[in-house]
């Protein structure tokens, strides 16, 4: 089997570290792994397949000879290095939001639109984590009858804000237990014993940038240009794994039993739906794995063609790192 030279841009962050872990877990055909980061991280050592890999400086020259570059850096870094990556002949699988809505850049969830990856011109974008978790959960319904609208509320873990999120949650819990004050640094308000109904800045008619992603990215991924989405994103005091409550309205009626059958058979999904036995998706059960758990499937009591579902998925893995590696797997098949 052919082997590939792979670089991870932003390798020392939470998603970059997870990418390295998943490349090893999935036995990706890596001949050389290059870990790229800023100057302050150069020289750090990490282990990959039993060998030490030293972090190198992220610069234009670092991409020479690479086949695939996995991006785990912020938008400005992705935009800065994308031209050099493409010029070097590598394919840039980017986790930032910099290129997601560019018409020439495929936006790919392998369980939903793998064929779009073939249309790349050197860059493929990884969708937003909440978008991935939500769409994997409901895509099987769309295959049965086109989805016309979604009303969603997300309950997003602190790790969605980076490695500092869970640390701040734990520090606040400890400080409150001891009667000390704690000044939030990562979140705009105390997150311990609280929920914060804003993620991202205002983008459209009072909706935040994070809330608009489910509509804008969902239209592109599912090839549904008329899809309407109303979303509320909430930060909750959970360490890992995002949860989403979704009302899905389809063109034709899909029964609850049919929906359960479709979701149970859908790639990337696990049906966990037994209210009598208190079995339903929860963040603790879905963390550190790659399936999206789906349950609480009910007829909507307002719309004739609506279904209510609840889903949970690990936003660091399937919502970011694993999805990127799966896109890379599409490239090498």
Protein backbone atom coordinates (compact mmCIF):
# COMPACT_ATOMS: atom_id res chain seq x y z
CA UNK A 1 0.00 0.00 0.00
CA UNK A 2 1.26 3.45 -0.90
CA UNK A 3 2.53 5.53 2.02
CA UNK A 4 1.98 9.28 2.37
CA UNK A 5 3.89 12.19 3.85
CA UNK A 6 1.52 13.92 6.27
CA UNK A 7 1.87 17.19 8.16
CA UNK A 8 -0.33 18.49 10.98
CA UNK A 9 -0.53 22.29 11.09
CA UNK A 10 -1.25 23.36 14.66
CA UNK A 11 -0.05 20.02 15.98
CA UNK A 12 0.34 21.00 19.63
CA UNK A 13 -3.30 22.05 20.18
CA UNK A 14 -6.13 19.80 21.35
CA UNK A 15 -7.37 18.96 17.83
CA UNK A 16 -3.86 18.54 16.44
CA UNK A 17 -2.99 16.10 19.20
CA UNK A 18 -6.21 14.19 18.55
CA UNK A 19 -5.39 14.02 14.83
CA UNK A 20 -2.07 12.41 15.63
CA UNK A 21 -3.78 9.89 17.91
CA UNK A 22 -6.41 9.03 15.29
CA UNK A 23 -3.88 8.62 12.47
CA UNK A 24 -2.27 5.95 14.63
CA UNK A 25 -5.56 4.36 15.73
CA UNK A 26 -6.84 4.05 12.16
CA UNK A 27 -3.49 2.85 10.82
CA UNK A 28 -3.34 5.64 8.24
CA UNK A 29 -0.56 4.95 5.69
CA UNK A 30 1.94 7.53 6.94
CA UNK A 31 5.54 7.29 5.73
CA UNK A 32 6.56 10.55 7.42
CA UNK A 33 4.68 12.63 9.99
CA UNK A 34 5.63 16.29 10.40
CA UNK A 35 4.28 18.24 13.37
CA UNK A 36 4.13 21.97 12.62
CA UNK A 37 3.48 24.75 15.10
CA UNK A 38 4.59 28.24 16.12
CA UNK A 39 8.10 29.12 17.22
CA UNK A 40 7.33 28.70 20.91
CA UNK A 41 6.52 24.99 20.41
CA UNK A 42 9.48 24.11 18.17
CA UNK A 43 11.56 21.31 19.66
CA UNK A 44 8.76 19.70 21.69
CA UNK A 45 8.64 15.95 21.31
CA UNK A 46 5.62 13.68 20.85
CA UNK A 47 5.37 9.95 20.32
CA UNK A 48 3.86 8.48 17.16
CA UNK A 49 3.90 4.72 16.56
CA UNK A 50 6.55 4.27 19.21
CA UNK A 51 8.93 6.86 17.82
CA UNK A 52 9.68 10.44 18.83
CA UNK A 53 8.53 13.20 16.48
CA UNK A 54 9.94 16.69 17.03
CA UNK A 55 7.79 19.76 16.41
CA UNK A 56 8.99 21.90 13.50
CA UNK A 57 8.36 25.54 12.68
CA UNK A 58 5.28 26.18 10.54
CA UNK A 59 6.60 28.06 7.51
CA UNK A 60 6.09 27.95 3.74
CA UNK A 61 9.11 25.72 3.25
CA UNK A 62 7.81 23.10 5.71
CA UNK A 63 5.20 21.88 3.22
CA UNK A 64 7.63 20.84 0.50
CA UNK A 65 7.17 17.17 -0.38
CA UNK A 66 4.01 16.74 1.72
CA UNK A 67 1.06 14.80 0.31
CA UNK A 68 -1.58 15.77 2.89
CA UNK A 69 -1.69 18.59 5.43
CA UNK A 70 -4.22 18.33 8.25
CA UNK A 71 -5.12 21.79 9.53
CA UNK A 72 -5.78 22.26 13.24
CA UNK A 73 -5.04 25.96 13.49
CA UNK A 74 -7.08 29.16 13.59
CA UNK A 75 -8.45 30.92 10.51
CA UNK A 76 -5.59 33.40 10.16
CA UNK A 77 -2.98 30.62 10.20
CA UNK A 78 -4.96 28.55 7.69
CA UNK A 79 -5.30 31.52 5.36
CA UNK A 80 -1.63 32.40 5.73
CA UNK A 81 -0.31 28.96 4.77
CA UNK A 82 -2.97 27.65 2.35
CA UNK A 83 -1.26 29.11 -0.76
CA UNK A 84 2.07 27.49 0.14
CA UNK A 85 0.40 24.14 0.86
CA UNK A 86 -1.41 24.10 -2.48
CA UNK A 87 1.70 25.31 -4.32
CA UNK A 88 3.67 22.43 -2.77
CA UNK A 89 1.18 19.98 -4.30
CA UNK A 90 -0.31 18.81 -1.03
CA UNK A 91 -4.02 18.60 -0.22
CA UNK A 92 -4.99 20.82 2.71
CA UNK A 93 -7.75 19.26 4.89
CA UNK A 94 -8.55 22.28 7.03
CA UNK A 95 -10.47 22.29 10.30
CA UNK A 96 -10.81 26.08 10.51
CA UNK A 97 -13.82 27.96 9.15
CA UNK A 98 -11.71 30.02 6.75
CA UNK A 99 -12.68 28.24 3.53
CA UNK A 100 -15.90 26.38 4.41
CA UNK A 101 -18.24 28.52 2.34
CA UNK A 102 -15.87 29.17 -0.57
CA UNK A 103 -17.57 27.86 -3.73
CA UNK A 104 -14.39 26.11 -4.94
CA UNK A 105 -13.72 24.33 -1.62
CA UNK A 106 -15.60 21.09 -0.83
CA UNK A 107 -17.11 20.90 2.66
CA UNK A 108 -17.19 17.22 3.53
CA UNK A 109 -18.66 14.79 6.04
CA UNK A 110 -17.60 11.36 4.68
CA UNK A 111 -20.81 9.64 5.82
CA UNK A 112 -22.88 12.20 3.88
CA UNK A 113 -21.10 13.63 0.81
CA UNK A 114 -17.84 11.72 0.20
CA UNK A 115 -18.08 12.32 -3.55
CA UNK A 116 -17.57 16.07 -2.99
CA UNK A 117 -14.01 15.44 -1.82
CA UNK A 118 -13.04 14.53 -5.40
CA UNK A 119 -13.87 18.07 -6.55
CA UNK A 120 -11.11 19.73 -4.53
CA UNK A 121 -8.58 22.18 -5.96
CA UNK A 122 -6.06 21.62 -3.19
CA UNK A 123 -8.24 22.49 -0.18
CA UNK A 124 -11.03 20.52 1.54
CA UNK A 125 -12.81 22.00 4.55
CA UNK A 126 -13.87 20.20 7.69
CA UNK A 127 -17.28 21.46 8.89
CA UNK A 128 -18.12 22.94 12.28
CA UNK A 129 -18.28 20.35 15.07
CA UNK A 130 -21.97 20.90 15.90
CA UNK A 131 -22.82 20.77 12.20
CA UNK A 132 -21.08 17.40 11.85
CA UNK A 133 -22.74 15.85 14.90
CA UNK A 134 -26.20 17.12 13.89
CA UNK A 135 -26.03 16.18 10.20
CA UNK A 136 -24.64 12.69 10.80
CA UNK A 137 -27.62 12.13 13.12
CA UNK A 138 -30.27 13.25 10.62
CA UNK A 139 -28.80 12.48 7.20
CA UNK A 140 -30.59 9.13 6.96
CA UNK A 141 -33.90 10.97 7.26
CA UNK A 142 -32.89 13.26 4.40
CA UNK A 143 -32.21 10.20 2.24
CA UNK A 144 -35.80 9.05 2.84
CA UNK A 145 -37.48 12.43 2.38
CA UNK A 146 -35.76 15.80 1.81
CA UNK A 147 -35.33 17.89 4.95
CA UNK A 148 -37.00 21.28 4.58
CA UNK A 149 -36.23 22.87 7.95
CA UNK A 150 -34.46 22.33 11.27
CA UNK A 151 -34.97 23.91 14.67
CA UNK A 152 -31.98 23.09 16.87
CA UNK A 153 -30.62 23.86 20.32
CA UNK A 154 -27.05 22.79 21.04
CA UNK A 155 -25.56 22.07 24.45
CA UNK A 156 -21.85 22.48 23.81
CA UNK A 157 -19.07 21.17 26.03
CA UNK A 158 -16.36 23.41 27.44
CA UNK A 159 -13.66 21.61 25.44
CA UNK A 160 -15.24 23.11 22.34
CA UNK A 161 -13.49 26.32 23.36
CA UNK A 162 -10.09 24.58 23.41
CA UNK A 163 -7.98 22.93 26.07
CA UNK A 164 -8.47 25.89 28.41
CA UNK A 165 -12.25 25.38 28.61
CA UNK A 166 -12.33 22.28 30.84
CA UNK A 167 -9.46 23.68 32.94
CA UNK A 168 -11.49 26.80 33.64
CA UNK A 169 -14.58 24.72 34.53
CA UNK A 170 -12.58 22.62 37.00
CA UNK A 171 -10.82 25.65 38.47
CA UNK A 172 -14.13 27.42 39.04
CA UNK A 173 -15.67 24.36 40.71
CA UNK A 174 -12.66 24.10 43.03
CA UNK A 175 -12.67 27.83 43.81
CA UNK A 176 -16.39 27.85 44.57
CA UNK A 177 -16.02 24.78 46.79
CA UNK A 178 -13.36 26.61 48.79
CA UNK A 179 -15.27 29.89 48.87
CA UNK A 180 -12.74 31.70 46.67
CA UNK A 181 -13.47 34.02 43.78
CA UNK A 182 -12.39 33.13 40.24
CA UNK A 183 -12.15 35.51 37.30
CA UNK A 184 -13.16 33.78 34.03
CA UNK A 185 -10.56 33.94 31.27
CA UNK A 186 -11.88 31.57 28.60
CA UNK A 187 -15.62 32.22 28.86
CA UNK A 188 -17.33 35.57 29.25
CA UNK A 189 -19.10 34.41 32.42
CA UNK A 190 -18.73 31.74 35.09
CA UNK A 191 -19.43 28.38 33.44
CA UNK A 192 -19.50 26.22 36.60
CA UNK A 193 -23.14 25.61 37.64
CA UNK A 194 -24.24 27.86 34.79
CA UNK A 195 -25.11 27.87 31.08
CA UNK A 196 -24.12 30.64 28.66
CA UNK A 197 -26.51 31.15 25.72
CA UNK A 198 -23.95 32.69 23.38
CA UNK A 199 -21.20 31.02 21.35
CA UNK A 200 -19.59 33.26 18.73
CA UNK A 201 -20.29 36.88 17.89
CA UNK A 202 -23.46 38.32 16.40
CA UNK A 203 -23.70 37.43 12.72
CA UNK A 204 -27.29 37.85 11.49
CA UNK A 205 -30.51 39.23 12.98
CA UNK A 206 -29.39 38.45 16.56
CA UNK A 207 -28.08 34.96 15.68
CA UNK A 208 -24.43 34.23 16.42
CA UNK A 209 -21.78 33.06 13.98
CA UNK A 210 -21.91 29.60 15.57
CA UNK A 211 -25.68 29.43 15.18
CA UNK A 212 -25.62 30.36 11.49
CA UNK A 213 -23.11 27.60 10.66
CA UNK A 214 -25.70 24.83 10.91
CA UNK A 215 -27.78 26.45 8.16
CA UNK A 216 -24.99 27.73 5.93
CA UNK A 217 -22.85 24.60 6.15
CA UNK A 218 -25.82 22.24 6.19
CA UNK A 219 -27.05 23.59 2.85
CA UNK A 220 -23.69 22.93 1.23
CA UNK A 221 -23.02 19.49 2.74
CA UNK A 222 -26.50 18.05 2.18
CA UNK A 223 -27.01 19.80 -1.19
CA UNK A 224 -30.15 21.48 0.14
CA UNK A 225 -29.86 25.14 -0.96
CA UNK A 226 -33.31 26.02 0.41
CA UNK A 227 -32.77 24.45 3.86
CA UNK A 228 -33.98 26.70 6.68
CA UNK A 229 -32.43 26.42 10.13
CA UNK A 230 -33.17 28.23 13.38
CA UNK A 231 -30.49 27.45 15.96
CA UNK A 232 -29.57 28.40 19.53
CA UNK A 233 -26.09 27.45 20.77
CA UNK A 234 -25.47 27.16 24.50
CA UNK A 235 -22.24 26.51 26.42
CA UNK A 236 -22.85 24.04 29.26
CA UNK A 237 -20.63 22.85 32.15
CA UNK A 238 -19.72 19.55 30.45
CA UNK A 239 -16.12 18.58 29.74
CA UNK A 240 -16.49 16.82 26.39
CA UNK A 241 -19.08 15.84 23.77
CA UNK A 242 -21.73 18.15 22.33
CA UNK A 243 -25.46 17.44 22.55
CA UNK A 244 -28.11 18.75 20.17
CA UNK A 245 -31.91 18.79 20.33
CA UNK A 246 -33.30 18.88 16.79
CA UNK A 247 -36.75 19.25 15.27
CA UNK A 248 -36.50 17.98 11.69
CA UNK A 249 -39.26 18.77 9.22
CA UNK A 250 -39.25 16.66 6.06
CA UNK A 251 -41.14 16.99 2.78
CA UNK A 252 -43.01 13.74 3.37
CA UNK A 253 -43.99 12.27 6.72
CA UNK A 254 -41.48 9.83 8.27
CA UNK A 255 -42.89 7.71 11.09
CA UNK A 256 -41.04 7.30 14.37
CA UNK A 257 -40.49 3.61 13.70
CA UNK A 258 -39.17 4.30 10.20
CA UNK A 259 -36.86 6.97 11.59
CA UNK A 260 -35.47 4.53 14.15
CA UNK A 261 -34.81 1.98 11.39
CA UNK A 262 -33.08 4.54 9.19
CA UNK A 263 -30.88 5.93 11.95
CA UNK A 264 -29.98 2.49 13.29
CA UNK A 265 -28.66 1.55 9.84
CA UNK A 266 -26.96 4.89 9.11
CA UNK A 267 -23.15 5.04 8.92
CA UNK A 268 -21.60 6.82 11.89
CA UNK A 269 -24.76 6.51 14.03
CA UNK A 270 -25.76 4.45 17.04
CA UNK A 271 -29.43 4.28 18.01
CA UNK A 272 -29.90 4.63 21.80
CA UNK A 273 -33.61 5.17 22.22
CA UNK A 274 -35.56 3.52 25.02
CA UNK A 275 -37.23 6.01 27.32
CA UNK A 276 -38.81 3.28 29.50
CA UNK A 277 -35.35 1.85 30.22
CA UNK A 278 -33.85 5.36 30.60
CA UNK A 279 -31.57 4.78 27.62
CA UNK A 280 -30.67 7.86 25.60
CA UNK A 281 -27.52 9.62 24.37
CA UNK A 282 -25.45 11.46 26.98
CA UNK A 283 -22.08 13.23 26.81
CA UNK A 284 -20.38 10.84 29.23
CA UNK A 285 -21.25 7.86 27.04
CA UNK A 286 -20.25 9.46 23.74
CA UNK A 287 -16.87 10.94 24.69
CA UNK A 288 -13.60 9.58 23.27
CA UNK A 289 -15.23 7.61 20.42
CA UNK A 290 -16.47 8.40 16.93
CA UNK A 291 -20.15 7.46 16.67
CA UNK A 292 -23.00 9.93 17.00
CA UNK A 293 -25.57 8.53 19.43
CA UNK A 294 -29.20 9.30 18.52
CA UNK A 295 -32.34 8.87 20.63
CA UNK A 296 -35.50 10.46 22.08
CA UNK A 297 -37.11 10.13 18.63
CA UNK A 298 -40.67 11.49 18.81
CA UNK A 299 -43.32 12.94 16.55
CA UNK A 300 -43.30 16.72 16.71
CA UNK A 301 -46.50 17.94 18.34
CA UNK A 302 -46.66 21.12 16.24
CA UNK A 303 -45.88 20.18 12.65
CA UNK A 304 -47.36 17.27 10.71
CA UNK A 305 -44.06 16.22 9.10
CA UNK A 306 -41.80 16.91 12.07
CA UNK A 307 -39.67 14.63 14.23
CA UNK A 308 -37.88 15.47 17.46
CA UNK A 309 -34.51 13.83 18.06
CA UNK A 310 -31.67 14.16 20.57
CA UNK A 311 -28.07 13.38 19.64
CA UNK A 312 -24.63 13.48 21.23
CA UNK A 313 -21.16 13.22 19.73
CA UNK A 314 -17.54 13.83 20.65
CA UNK A 315 -16.79 17.21 19.09
CA UNK A 316 -13.01 16.84 19.38
CA UNK A 317 -13.00 13.49 17.56
CA UNK A 318 -15.89 13.10 15.09
CA UNK A 319 -16.61 16.82 15.25
CA UNK A 320 -13.05 17.71 14.23
CA UNK A 321 -10.03 15.37 14.19
CA UNK A 322 -11.64 12.09 13.12
CA UNK A 323 -13.68 13.71 10.37
CA UNK A 324 -10.49 15.28 8.96
CA UNK A 325 -8.65 11.95 8.99
CA UNK A 326 -11.66 10.28 7.34
CA UNK A 327 -11.47 12.90 4.57
CA UNK A 328 -7.77 12.07 4.17
CA UNK A 329 -8.75 8.41 3.89
CA UNK A 330 -11.05 9.31 0.98
CA UNK A 331 -8.07 10.89 -0.75
CA UNK A 332 -5.85 7.83 -0.47
CA UNK A 333 -8.41 5.19 -1.43
